[in-house]
N, C-alpha and C. Protein backbone atom coordinates (compact mmCIF):
# COMPACT_ATOMS: atom_id res chain seq x y z
N UNK A 1 95.86 130.42 75.79
CA UNK A 1 95.98 129.01 75.42
C UNK A 1 94.64 128.33 75.63
N UNK A 2 94.07 127.78 74.57
CA UNK A 2 92.78 127.10 74.67
C UNK A 2 92.94 125.75 75.36
N UNK A 3 91.98 125.43 76.23
CA UNK A 3 92.03 124.14 76.93
C UNK A 3 90.61 123.63 77.13
N UNK A 4 90.51 122.34 77.45
CA UNK A 4 89.23 121.69 77.68
C UNK A 4 89.25 121.03 79.04
N UNK A 5 88.21 121.27 79.84
CA UNK A 5 88.07 120.61 81.13
C UNK A 5 87.43 119.25 80.91
N UNK A 6 88.24 118.19 80.97
CA UNK A 6 87.73 116.85 80.66
C UNK A 6 86.86 116.30 81.78
N UNK A 7 86.81 116.97 82.94
CA UNK A 7 85.94 116.54 84.03
C UNK A 7 84.56 117.17 83.97
N UNK A 8 84.37 118.11 83.05
CA UNK A 8 83.08 118.82 82.99
C UNK A 8 81.94 117.86 82.69
N UNK A 9 80.85 118.02 83.42
CA UNK A 9 79.58 117.28 83.21
C UNK A 9 79.66 115.80 83.55
N UNK A 10 80.76 115.33 84.14
CA UNK A 10 80.85 113.93 84.52
C UNK A 10 80.15 113.69 85.86
N UNK A 11 79.54 112.53 86.01
CA UNK A 11 78.87 112.16 87.25
C UNK A 11 79.18 110.72 87.60
N UNK A 12 79.12 110.43 88.89
CA UNK A 12 79.29 109.05 89.34
C UNK A 12 80.66 108.49 89.00
N UNK A 13 80.67 107.26 88.49
CA UNK A 13 81.93 106.58 88.21
C UNK A 13 82.14 106.40 86.70
N UNK A 14 81.78 107.44 85.95
CA UNK A 14 82.00 107.45 84.50
C UNK A 14 83.29 108.19 84.20
N UNK A 15 84.28 107.48 83.66
CA UNK A 15 85.57 108.09 83.38
C UNK A 15 85.54 108.90 82.10
N UNK A 16 86.38 109.94 82.01
CA UNK A 16 86.51 110.63 80.73
C UNK A 16 87.04 109.67 79.66
N UNK A 17 86.67 109.92 78.42
CA UNK A 17 87.11 109.06 77.33
C UNK A 17 88.64 109.04 77.27
N UNK A 18 89.21 107.83 77.18
CA UNK A 18 90.65 107.69 77.06
C UNK A 18 91.40 107.63 78.38
N UNK A 19 90.69 107.69 79.51
CA UNK A 19 91.32 107.65 80.83
C UNK A 19 91.14 106.29 81.47
N UNK A 20 92.15 105.88 82.25
CA UNK A 20 92.13 104.61 82.96
C UNK A 20 92.81 104.76 84.32
N UNK A 21 92.53 103.81 85.19
CA UNK A 21 93.18 103.79 86.50
C UNK A 21 94.37 102.83 86.52
N UNK A 22 95.43 103.23 87.18
CA UNK A 22 96.41 102.31 87.75
C UNK A 22 96.15 102.32 89.26
N UNK A 23 95.90 101.16 89.83
CA UNK A 23 95.54 101.03 91.25
C UNK A 23 94.23 101.78 91.54
N UNK A 24 93.16 101.35 90.89
CA UNK A 24 91.86 101.99 91.10
C UNK A 24 91.46 101.92 92.57
N UNK A 25 91.09 103.05 93.18
CA UNK A 25 90.65 103.03 94.58
C UNK A 25 89.25 102.44 94.70
N UNK A 26 88.91 102.00 95.90
CA UNK A 26 87.58 101.47 96.13
C UNK A 26 86.54 102.59 96.10
N UNK A 27 86.91 103.77 96.59
CA UNK A 27 85.96 104.88 96.68
C UNK A 27 86.43 106.05 95.82
N UNK A 28 85.66 106.34 94.79
CA UNK A 28 85.90 107.53 93.97
C UNK A 28 84.62 107.84 93.20
N UNK A 29 84.43 109.11 92.87
CA UNK A 29 83.24 109.49 92.12
C UNK A 29 83.37 110.94 91.63
N UNK A 30 82.72 111.22 90.52
CA UNK A 30 82.57 112.59 90.03
C UNK A 30 81.28 113.19 90.59
N UNK A 31 81.35 114.47 90.91
CA UNK A 31 80.19 115.22 91.39
C UNK A 31 80.32 116.64 90.83
N UNK A 32 79.36 117.53 91.09
CA UNK A 32 79.49 118.89 90.55
C UNK A 32 80.78 119.60 90.95
N UNK A 33 81.37 119.22 92.09
CA UNK A 33 82.59 119.87 92.55
C UNK A 33 83.85 119.29 91.89
N UNK A 34 83.71 118.20 91.15
CA UNK A 34 84.87 117.58 90.50
C UNK A 34 85.00 116.12 90.87
N UNK A 35 86.23 115.63 90.90
CA UNK A 35 86.51 114.24 91.22
C UNK A 35 86.97 114.13 92.67
N UNK A 36 86.30 113.29 93.45
CA UNK A 36 86.71 113.00 94.82
C UNK A 36 87.24 111.57 94.89
N UNK A 37 88.40 111.42 95.52
CA UNK A 37 89.04 110.11 95.65
C UNK A 37 89.39 109.88 97.11
N UNK A 38 89.07 108.71 97.62
CA UNK A 38 89.50 108.30 98.95
C UNK A 38 90.79 107.50 98.79
N UNK A 39 91.92 108.15 99.07
CA UNK A 39 93.20 107.44 98.99
C UNK A 39 93.27 106.38 100.08
N UNK A 40 93.66 105.19 99.71
CA UNK A 40 93.71 104.09 100.66
C UNK A 40 95.02 104.11 101.45
N UNK A 41 95.07 103.43 102.60
CA UNK A 41 96.26 103.46 103.46
C UNK A 41 97.51 102.94 102.76
N UNK A 42 98.64 103.58 103.11
CA UNK A 42 99.97 103.12 102.69
C UNK A 42 100.12 103.11 101.16
N UNK A 43 99.55 104.11 100.49
CA UNK A 43 99.62 104.19 99.04
C UNK A 43 100.58 105.28 98.59
N UNK A 44 101.45 104.97 97.62
CA UNK A 44 102.48 105.92 97.21
C UNK A 44 103.10 105.46 95.90
N UNK A 45 103.72 106.41 95.19
CA UNK A 45 104.70 106.12 94.15
C UNK A 45 106.02 106.68 94.64
N UNK A 46 106.99 105.82 94.90
CA UNK A 46 108.30 106.28 95.38
C UNK A 46 109.31 105.15 95.25
N UNK A 47 110.52 105.51 94.84
CA UNK A 47 111.62 104.57 94.75
C UNK A 47 112.78 105.19 95.52
N UNK A 48 112.94 104.78 96.78
CA UNK A 48 113.88 105.42 97.68
C UNK A 48 115.30 105.44 97.10
N UNK A 49 116.01 106.59 97.17
CA UNK A 49 117.36 106.65 96.64
C UNK A 49 118.32 105.62 97.25
N UNK A 50 118.04 105.16 98.48
CA UNK A 50 118.92 104.16 99.07
C UNK A 50 118.63 102.75 98.56
N UNK A 51 117.62 102.62 97.70
CA UNK A 51 117.35 101.36 97.06
C UNK A 51 116.59 100.34 97.88
N UNK A 52 116.10 100.74 99.07
CA UNK A 52 115.47 99.76 99.96
C UNK A 52 113.95 99.72 99.85
N UNK A 53 113.34 100.80 99.39
CA UNK A 53 111.88 100.89 99.37
C UNK A 53 111.40 101.24 97.97
N UNK A 54 110.50 100.44 97.44
CA UNK A 54 109.85 100.72 96.17
C UNK A 54 108.35 100.62 96.38
N UNK A 55 107.62 101.71 96.08
CA UNK A 55 106.17 101.71 96.20
C UNK A 55 105.55 102.16 94.88
N UNK A 56 104.59 101.38 94.40
CA UNK A 56 103.88 101.68 93.17
C UNK A 56 102.38 101.48 93.39
N UNK A 57 101.87 101.96 94.53
CA UNK A 57 100.52 101.60 94.95
C UNK A 57 99.52 102.74 94.98
N UNK A 58 99.95 103.99 94.73
CA UNK A 58 99.01 105.11 94.77
C UNK A 58 98.02 105.02 93.61
N UNK A 59 96.95 105.78 93.72
CA UNK A 59 95.85 105.74 92.75
C UNK A 59 96.11 106.76 91.64
N UNK A 60 96.28 106.27 90.42
CA UNK A 60 96.71 107.10 89.29
C UNK A 60 95.67 107.03 88.18
N UNK A 61 94.99 108.15 87.94
CA UNK A 61 94.05 108.27 86.83
C UNK A 61 94.77 108.97 85.68
N UNK A 62 94.95 108.27 84.57
CA UNK A 62 95.84 108.78 83.52
C UNK A 62 95.22 108.61 82.14
N UNK A 63 95.82 109.34 81.20
CA UNK A 63 95.55 109.14 79.79
C UNK A 63 96.89 109.10 79.06
N UNK A 64 96.91 108.53 77.88
CA UNK A 64 98.11 108.53 77.04
C UNK A 64 98.11 109.77 76.16
N UNK A 65 99.25 110.48 76.13
CA UNK A 65 99.31 111.73 75.39
C UNK A 65 100.61 111.78 74.59
N UNK A 66 100.50 112.13 73.32
CA UNK A 66 101.67 112.30 72.47
C UNK A 66 101.98 113.78 72.29
N UNK A 67 103.23 114.09 72.02
CA UNK A 67 103.62 115.45 71.69
C UNK A 67 103.52 116.42 72.85
N UNK A 68 103.49 117.71 72.52
CA UNK A 68 103.44 118.75 73.53
C UNK A 68 102.06 118.79 74.18
N UNK A 69 102.01 119.24 75.44
CA UNK A 69 100.73 119.38 76.13
C UNK A 69 100.91 120.22 77.39
N UNK A 70 99.76 120.65 77.93
CA UNK A 70 99.70 121.28 79.25
C UNK A 70 98.46 120.76 79.96
N UNK A 71 98.65 120.24 81.17
CA UNK A 71 97.56 119.75 82.01
C UNK A 71 97.52 120.60 83.28
N UNK A 72 96.32 121.02 83.68
CA UNK A 72 96.14 121.86 84.86
C UNK A 72 94.99 121.30 85.70
N UNK A 73 95.17 121.28 87.02
CA UNK A 73 94.09 120.89 87.92
C UNK A 73 94.15 121.72 89.19
N UNK A 74 92.99 121.89 89.83
CA UNK A 74 92.94 122.49 91.16
C UNK A 74 92.73 121.36 92.17
N UNK A 75 93.53 121.36 93.24
CA UNK A 75 93.52 120.24 94.18
C UNK A 75 93.25 120.70 95.61
N UNK A 76 92.72 119.77 96.38
CA UNK A 76 92.53 119.93 97.82
C UNK A 76 92.70 118.56 98.45
N UNK A 77 93.14 118.54 99.72
CA UNK A 77 93.36 117.27 100.42
C UNK A 77 93.06 117.44 101.89
N UNK A 78 92.56 116.37 102.52
CA UNK A 78 92.31 116.39 103.96
C UNK A 78 93.59 116.58 104.76
N UNK A 79 94.70 115.96 104.32
CA UNK A 79 95.99 116.10 104.98
C UNK A 79 95.92 115.73 106.45
N UNK A 80 95.80 114.45 106.70
CA UNK A 80 95.71 113.93 108.06
C UNK A 80 97.06 113.44 108.57
N UNK A 81 97.77 112.68 107.74
CA UNK A 81 99.05 112.08 108.12
C UNK A 81 100.15 112.54 107.17
N UNK A 82 101.40 112.33 107.59
CA UNK A 82 102.54 112.74 106.78
C UNK A 82 102.45 112.19 105.37
N UNK A 83 102.65 113.09 104.40
CA UNK A 83 102.75 112.79 102.97
C UNK A 83 101.40 112.50 102.30
N UNK A 84 100.28 112.66 103.03
CA UNK A 84 98.98 112.66 102.34
C UNK A 84 99.03 113.73 101.25
N UNK A 85 98.54 113.40 100.06
CA UNK A 85 98.72 114.36 98.97
C UNK A 85 97.77 114.13 97.82
N UNK A 86 97.51 115.23 97.10
CA UNK A 86 96.91 115.21 95.77
C UNK A 86 98.00 115.65 94.80
N UNK A 87 98.17 114.90 93.71
CA UNK A 87 99.33 115.11 92.83
C UNK A 87 98.92 115.08 91.36
N UNK A 88 99.83 115.58 90.53
CA UNK A 88 99.82 115.32 89.10
C UNK A 88 101.06 114.50 88.78
N UNK A 89 100.96 113.63 87.76
CA UNK A 89 102.11 112.79 87.44
C UNK A 89 102.20 112.52 85.95
N UNK A 90 103.45 112.50 85.46
CA UNK A 90 103.76 112.07 84.11
C UNK A 90 104.63 110.83 84.23
N UNK A 91 104.34 109.79 83.43
CA UNK A 91 105.03 108.50 83.58
C UNK A 91 105.35 107.89 82.22
N UNK A 92 106.60 107.42 82.10
CA UNK A 92 106.97 106.60 80.95
C UNK A 92 106.80 105.12 81.29
N UNK A 93 107.31 104.72 82.46
CA UNK A 93 107.19 103.36 82.94
C UNK A 93 107.38 103.38 84.46
N UNK A 94 107.42 102.19 85.09
CA UNK A 94 107.48 102.12 86.55
C UNK A 94 108.72 102.78 87.12
N UNK A 95 109.80 102.87 86.35
CA UNK A 95 111.07 103.41 86.85
C UNK A 95 111.37 104.81 86.32
N UNK A 96 110.45 105.38 85.52
CA UNK A 96 110.72 106.67 84.89
C UNK A 96 109.47 107.52 84.94
N UNK A 97 109.44 108.50 85.86
CA UNK A 97 108.25 109.32 86.03
C UNK A 97 108.56 110.55 86.87
N UNK A 98 107.62 111.48 86.89
CA UNK A 98 107.73 112.65 87.76
C UNK A 98 106.37 113.02 88.30
N UNK A 99 106.32 113.44 89.57
CA UNK A 99 105.04 113.87 90.14
C UNK A 99 105.22 115.19 90.89
N UNK A 100 104.16 116.00 90.85
CA UNK A 100 104.08 117.29 91.52
C UNK A 100 102.95 117.20 92.52
N UNK A 101 103.24 117.49 93.80
CA UNK A 101 102.29 117.18 94.87
C UNK A 101 101.94 118.39 95.72
N UNK A 102 100.69 118.44 96.13
CA UNK A 102 100.21 119.29 97.22
C UNK A 102 100.14 118.36 98.42
N UNK A 103 101.13 118.44 99.30
CA UNK A 103 101.42 117.36 100.26
C UNK A 103 101.55 117.87 101.69
N UNK A 104 101.11 117.03 102.62
CA UNK A 104 101.21 117.33 104.05
C UNK A 104 102.58 116.88 104.55
N UNK A 105 103.48 117.84 104.78
CA UNK A 105 104.85 117.54 105.17
C UNK A 105 105.24 118.47 106.32
N UNK A 106 105.85 117.92 107.35
CA UNK A 106 106.19 118.70 108.55
C UNK A 106 104.95 119.36 109.14
N UNK A 107 103.82 118.66 109.05
CA UNK A 107 102.54 119.11 109.61
C UNK A 107 102.03 120.40 108.98
N UNK A 108 102.35 120.59 107.72
CA UNK A 108 101.85 121.75 107.00
C UNK A 108 101.75 121.41 105.51
N UNK A 109 100.88 122.09 104.77
CA UNK A 109 100.76 121.83 103.33
C UNK A 109 101.94 122.43 102.58
N UNK A 110 102.51 121.63 101.69
CA UNK A 110 103.69 122.07 100.95
C UNK A 110 103.60 121.63 99.49
N UNK A 111 104.37 122.29 98.65
CA UNK A 111 104.59 121.85 97.28
C UNK A 111 105.83 120.95 97.28
N UNK A 112 105.64 119.73 96.80
CA UNK A 112 106.70 118.72 96.78
C UNK A 112 106.76 118.13 95.37
N UNK A 113 107.97 117.87 94.88
CA UNK A 113 108.11 117.23 93.57
C UNK A 113 109.08 116.06 93.67
N UNK A 114 108.82 115.06 92.85
CA UNK A 114 109.66 113.87 92.79
C UNK A 114 109.89 113.54 91.33
N UNK A 115 111.15 113.41 90.93
CA UNK A 115 111.51 112.96 89.59
C UNK A 115 112.27 111.65 89.73
N UNK A 116 111.79 110.62 89.05
CA UNK A 116 112.33 109.28 89.21
C UNK A 116 112.90 108.77 87.89
N UNK A 117 114.19 108.47 87.93
CA UNK A 117 114.87 107.80 86.82
C UNK A 117 115.59 106.61 87.44
N UNK A 118 114.86 105.54 87.60
CA UNK A 118 115.21 104.32 88.32
C UNK A 118 115.10 104.53 89.82
N UNK A 119 115.72 105.61 90.37
CA UNK A 119 115.56 105.99 91.77
C UNK A 119 114.94 107.39 91.83
N UNK A 120 114.28 107.71 92.94
CA UNK A 120 113.56 108.98 93.07
C UNK A 120 114.45 110.09 93.60
N UNK A 121 114.28 111.28 93.04
CA UNK A 121 114.90 112.52 93.51
C UNK A 121 113.79 113.36 94.10
N UNK A 122 113.75 113.46 95.42
CA UNK A 122 112.62 114.04 96.17
C UNK A 122 112.98 115.46 96.61
N UNK A 123 112.08 116.43 96.38
CA UNK A 123 112.38 117.83 96.71
C UNK A 123 111.17 118.51 97.34
N UNK A 124 111.32 119.01 98.57
CA UNK A 124 110.30 119.86 99.21
C UNK A 124 110.59 121.31 98.84
N UNK A 125 109.58 122.01 98.31
CA UNK A 125 109.83 123.37 97.81
C UNK A 125 109.42 124.45 98.79
N UNK A 126 108.13 124.53 99.15
CA UNK A 126 107.70 125.63 100.01
C UNK A 126 106.35 125.32 100.60
N UNK A 127 106.02 126.05 101.69
CA UNK A 127 104.71 125.95 102.31
C UNK A 127 103.70 126.77 101.52
N UNK A 128 102.45 126.26 101.43
CA UNK A 128 101.39 126.95 100.71
C UNK A 128 100.13 126.93 101.56
N UNK A 129 99.11 127.74 101.22
CA UNK A 129 97.90 127.80 102.03
C UNK A 129 97.16 126.47 102.08
N UNK A 130 96.40 126.28 103.14
CA UNK A 130 95.64 125.04 103.34
C UNK A 130 94.37 124.99 102.50
N UNK A 131 94.05 126.04 101.77
CA UNK A 131 92.82 126.08 100.98
C UNK A 131 92.94 125.39 99.63
N UNK A 132 94.09 124.79 99.34
CA UNK A 132 94.30 124.13 98.07
C UNK A 132 95.04 125.02 97.08
N UNK A 133 95.54 124.40 96.00
CA UNK A 133 96.32 125.12 95.00
C UNK A 133 96.01 124.55 93.62
N UNK A 134 96.52 125.24 92.60
CA UNK A 134 96.50 124.73 91.24
C UNK A 134 97.86 124.10 90.93
N UNK A 135 97.83 122.98 90.22
CA UNK A 135 99.05 122.31 89.78
C UNK A 135 99.05 122.24 88.25
N UNK A 136 100.26 122.29 87.66
CA UNK A 136 100.36 122.27 86.20
C UNK A 136 101.59 121.48 85.76
N UNK A 137 101.40 120.62 84.75
CA UNK A 137 102.51 119.96 84.07
C UNK A 137 102.46 120.35 82.61
N UNK A 138 103.58 120.82 82.08
CA UNK A 138 103.67 121.15 80.66
C UNK A 138 104.82 120.39 80.03
N UNK A 139 104.62 119.97 78.79
CA UNK A 139 105.66 119.27 78.04
C UNK A 139 105.91 119.97 76.71
N UNK A 140 107.19 120.16 76.36
CA UNK A 140 107.56 120.52 75.00
C UNK A 140 108.80 119.71 74.64
N UNK A 141 108.72 119.01 73.52
CA UNK A 141 109.75 118.06 73.11
C UNK A 141 109.90 117.00 74.22
N UNK A 142 111.12 116.77 74.69
CA UNK A 142 111.32 115.83 75.80
C UNK A 142 111.53 116.57 77.12
N UNK A 143 111.16 117.83 77.17
CA UNK A 143 111.31 118.64 78.38
C UNK A 143 109.96 118.76 79.09
N UNK A 144 110.02 118.77 80.42
CA UNK A 144 108.82 118.87 81.25
C UNK A 144 109.05 119.94 82.31
N UNK A 145 107.98 120.66 82.66
CA UNK A 145 108.06 121.66 83.73
C UNK A 145 106.87 121.50 84.65
N UNK A 146 107.13 121.62 85.96
CA UNK A 146 106.10 121.63 86.99
C UNK A 146 105.90 123.05 87.48
N UNK A 147 104.64 123.46 87.61
CA UNK A 147 104.30 124.77 88.17
C UNK A 147 103.17 124.62 89.17
N UNK A 148 103.07 125.60 90.10
CA UNK A 148 101.90 125.70 90.97
C UNK A 148 101.41 127.14 90.94
N UNK A 149 100.15 127.33 91.33
CA UNK A 149 99.56 128.66 91.37
C UNK A 149 98.56 128.73 92.51
N UNK A 150 98.45 129.90 93.11
CA UNK A 150 97.44 130.12 94.14
C UNK A 150 96.11 130.57 93.57
N UNK A 151 96.13 131.15 92.36
CA UNK A 151 94.91 131.71 91.79
C UNK A 151 94.60 131.20 90.38
N UNK A 152 95.45 130.32 89.83
CA UNK A 152 95.24 129.82 88.48
C UNK A 152 95.63 130.80 87.40
N UNK A 153 96.29 131.90 87.78
CA UNK A 153 96.69 132.93 86.82
C UNK A 153 98.20 133.14 86.81
N UNK A 154 98.78 133.33 88.00
CA UNK A 154 100.23 133.52 88.09
C UNK A 154 100.87 132.21 88.54
N UNK A 155 101.83 131.74 87.75
CA UNK A 155 102.41 130.41 87.97
C UNK A 155 103.88 130.50 88.38
N UNK A 156 104.21 129.75 89.43
CA UNK A 156 105.60 129.66 89.91
C UNK A 156 106.19 128.32 89.46
N UNK A 157 107.40 128.36 88.90
CA UNK A 157 108.04 127.14 88.46
C UNK A 157 108.60 126.37 89.66
N UNK A 158 108.37 125.07 89.69
CA UNK A 158 108.86 124.20 90.75
C UNK A 158 110.02 123.34 90.27
N UNK A 159 109.91 122.84 89.06
CA UNK A 159 110.89 121.87 88.56
C UNK A 159 110.93 121.91 87.04
N UNK A 160 112.11 121.75 86.46
CA UNK A 160 112.31 121.69 85.01
C UNK A 160 113.27 120.54 84.75
N UNK A 161 112.86 119.58 83.93
CA UNK A 161 113.66 118.37 83.78
C UNK A 161 113.35 117.72 82.43
N UNK A 162 114.07 116.66 82.13
CA UNK A 162 113.84 115.92 80.90
C UNK A 162 113.60 114.46 81.20
N UNK A 163 112.79 113.83 80.37
CA UNK A 163 112.58 112.39 80.37
C UNK A 163 112.77 111.90 78.94
N UNK A 164 113.27 110.70 78.75
CA UNK A 164 113.49 110.18 77.39
C UNK A 164 112.18 109.76 76.74
N UNK A 165 111.31 110.73 76.47
CA UNK A 165 109.94 110.46 76.04
C UNK A 165 109.82 110.65 74.53
N UNK A 166 110.26 109.67 73.78
CA UNK A 166 110.26 109.80 72.33
C UNK A 166 108.87 109.65 71.73
N UNK A 167 107.94 109.06 72.49
CA UNK A 167 106.58 108.88 71.97
C UNK A 167 105.59 109.30 73.04
N UNK A 168 104.49 108.57 73.20
CA UNK A 168 103.45 108.97 74.15
C UNK A 168 103.88 108.69 75.59
N UNK A 169 103.28 109.43 76.52
CA UNK A 169 103.52 109.25 77.95
C UNK A 169 102.16 109.17 78.64
N UNK A 170 102.17 108.63 79.82
CA UNK A 170 100.99 108.69 80.68
C UNK A 170 101.01 110.01 81.43
N UNK A 171 99.85 110.67 81.53
CA UNK A 171 99.76 111.94 82.24
C UNK A 171 98.41 111.98 82.94
N UNK A 172 98.41 112.42 84.22
CA UNK A 172 97.14 112.47 84.95
C UNK A 172 97.33 112.86 86.40
N UNK A 173 96.45 112.36 87.27
CA UNK A 173 96.39 112.79 88.65
C UNK A 173 96.52 111.60 89.60
N UNK A 174 97.01 111.89 90.80
CA UNK A 174 97.31 110.85 91.79
C UNK A 174 96.75 111.24 93.14
N UNK A 175 96.20 110.25 93.86
CA UNK A 175 95.83 110.40 95.27
C UNK A 175 96.67 109.42 96.07
N UNK A 176 97.24 109.88 97.20
CA UNK A 176 98.13 109.02 97.96
C UNK A 176 98.03 109.29 99.46
N UNK A 177 98.38 108.25 100.24
CA UNK A 177 98.47 108.34 101.69
C UNK A 177 99.58 107.39 102.15
N UNK A 178 100.85 107.78 101.95
CA UNK A 178 101.97 106.85 102.11
C UNK A 178 102.17 106.27 103.50
N UNK A 179 101.94 107.06 104.54
CA UNK A 179 102.21 106.58 105.90
C UNK A 179 100.96 106.47 106.74
N UNK A 180 99.82 106.95 106.23
CA UNK A 180 98.62 107.05 107.04
C UNK A 180 97.58 106.00 106.74
N UNK A 181 96.39 106.26 107.26
CA UNK A 181 95.26 105.35 107.12
C UNK A 181 94.30 105.77 106.02
N UNK A 182 94.77 106.63 105.14
CA UNK A 182 93.94 107.10 104.03
C UNK A 182 93.52 108.54 104.20
N UNK A 183 93.18 109.19 103.10
CA UNK A 183 92.70 110.58 103.14
C UNK A 183 91.87 110.84 101.90
N UNK A 184 91.00 111.84 102.00
CA UNK A 184 90.15 112.23 100.88
C UNK A 184 90.79 113.40 100.14
N UNK A 185 90.88 113.28 98.82
CA UNK A 185 91.41 114.37 98.00
C UNK A 185 90.40 114.72 96.92
N UNK A 186 90.49 115.95 96.44
CA UNK A 186 89.54 116.42 95.43
C UNK A 186 90.28 117.16 94.32
N UNK A 187 89.88 116.85 93.09
CA UNK A 187 90.39 117.52 91.90
C UNK A 187 89.20 118.25 91.27
N UNK A 188 89.22 119.58 91.31
CA UNK A 188 88.06 120.35 90.88
C UNK A 188 87.89 120.36 89.38
N UNK A 189 88.96 120.15 88.64
CA UNK A 189 88.90 120.18 87.18
C UNK A 189 90.15 119.49 86.64
N UNK A 190 90.18 119.24 85.36
CA UNK A 190 91.39 118.80 84.69
C UNK A 190 91.37 119.40 83.30
N UNK A 191 92.05 120.53 83.17
CA UNK A 191 92.08 121.26 81.91
C UNK A 191 93.26 120.80 81.06
N UNK A 192 92.97 120.45 79.82
CA UNK A 192 93.96 119.84 78.93
C UNK A 192 94.12 120.69 77.68
N UNK A 193 95.37 120.98 77.32
CA UNK A 193 95.67 121.71 76.10
C UNK A 193 96.75 120.95 75.32
N UNK A 194 96.67 120.94 73.99
CA UNK A 194 97.70 120.28 73.18
C UNK A 194 98.92 121.16 72.95
N UNK A 195 99.07 122.20 73.72
CA UNK A 195 100.20 123.11 73.58
C UNK A 195 101.10 123.03 74.81
N UNK A 196 102.40 123.05 74.59
CA UNK A 196 103.36 123.15 75.68
C UNK A 196 103.71 124.60 75.94
N UNK A 197 104.19 124.89 77.14
CA UNK A 197 104.61 126.24 77.51
C UNK A 197 106.12 126.27 77.52
N UNK A 198 106.72 126.91 76.55
CA UNK A 198 108.18 126.92 76.43
C UNK A 198 108.81 127.99 77.30
N UNK A 199 108.12 129.10 77.51
CA UNK A 199 108.65 130.16 78.37
C UNK A 199 108.26 129.84 79.81
N UNK A 200 108.94 128.86 80.42
CA UNK A 200 108.50 128.28 81.67
C UNK A 200 108.74 129.19 82.87
N UNK A 201 109.51 130.26 82.70
CA UNK A 201 109.80 131.17 83.82
C UNK A 201 109.05 132.50 83.70
N UNK A 202 108.07 132.56 82.84
CA UNK A 202 107.38 133.83 82.58
C UNK A 202 106.32 134.14 83.63
N UNK A 203 105.84 133.13 84.37
CA UNK A 203 104.77 133.34 85.36
C UNK A 203 103.38 133.19 84.79
N UNK A 204 103.25 132.94 83.49
CA UNK A 204 101.92 132.78 82.87
C UNK A 204 101.76 131.35 82.37
């Protein structure tokens, strides 16, 4: 599957064409290693199932995408406080979205996913190495799949779901620090393909 790294050759605070911030952080920049973001304190996207807490404050760098696609990034995070994370997210609106996270939970790095349809459905999947991981979101029709990989070659499925996405959606990356005083996260690349992966359990 052919893809393009939209972060290639970027420097400083020059965004890729077609990308914008929701909740732009004060500190972020592109360097040879990729995009570094300083997540600010108490930042998150979450709509608690009990209806008491709604947060829409995490830093989301996104583009609008129509039709099928696959987005891949390699992530790393300082992971200082609970739920510090580097994530990928697809969003229709404030109440309809899904995110896949490399997150500090139970004092260890884990793969966590959240699918929100008015309220959030939060799922902790498994512990992963502290050296960072690859994250992937693929779309075909109105179906979406989350995957992670340790090497960027073999992919494990985390979540398979649908969103009522009849037209374009927002898709991109998130830095968050929901309970802490902030953390630094890094996205080494952002590879974009106009193809969806329909065989979501194949491992490729």
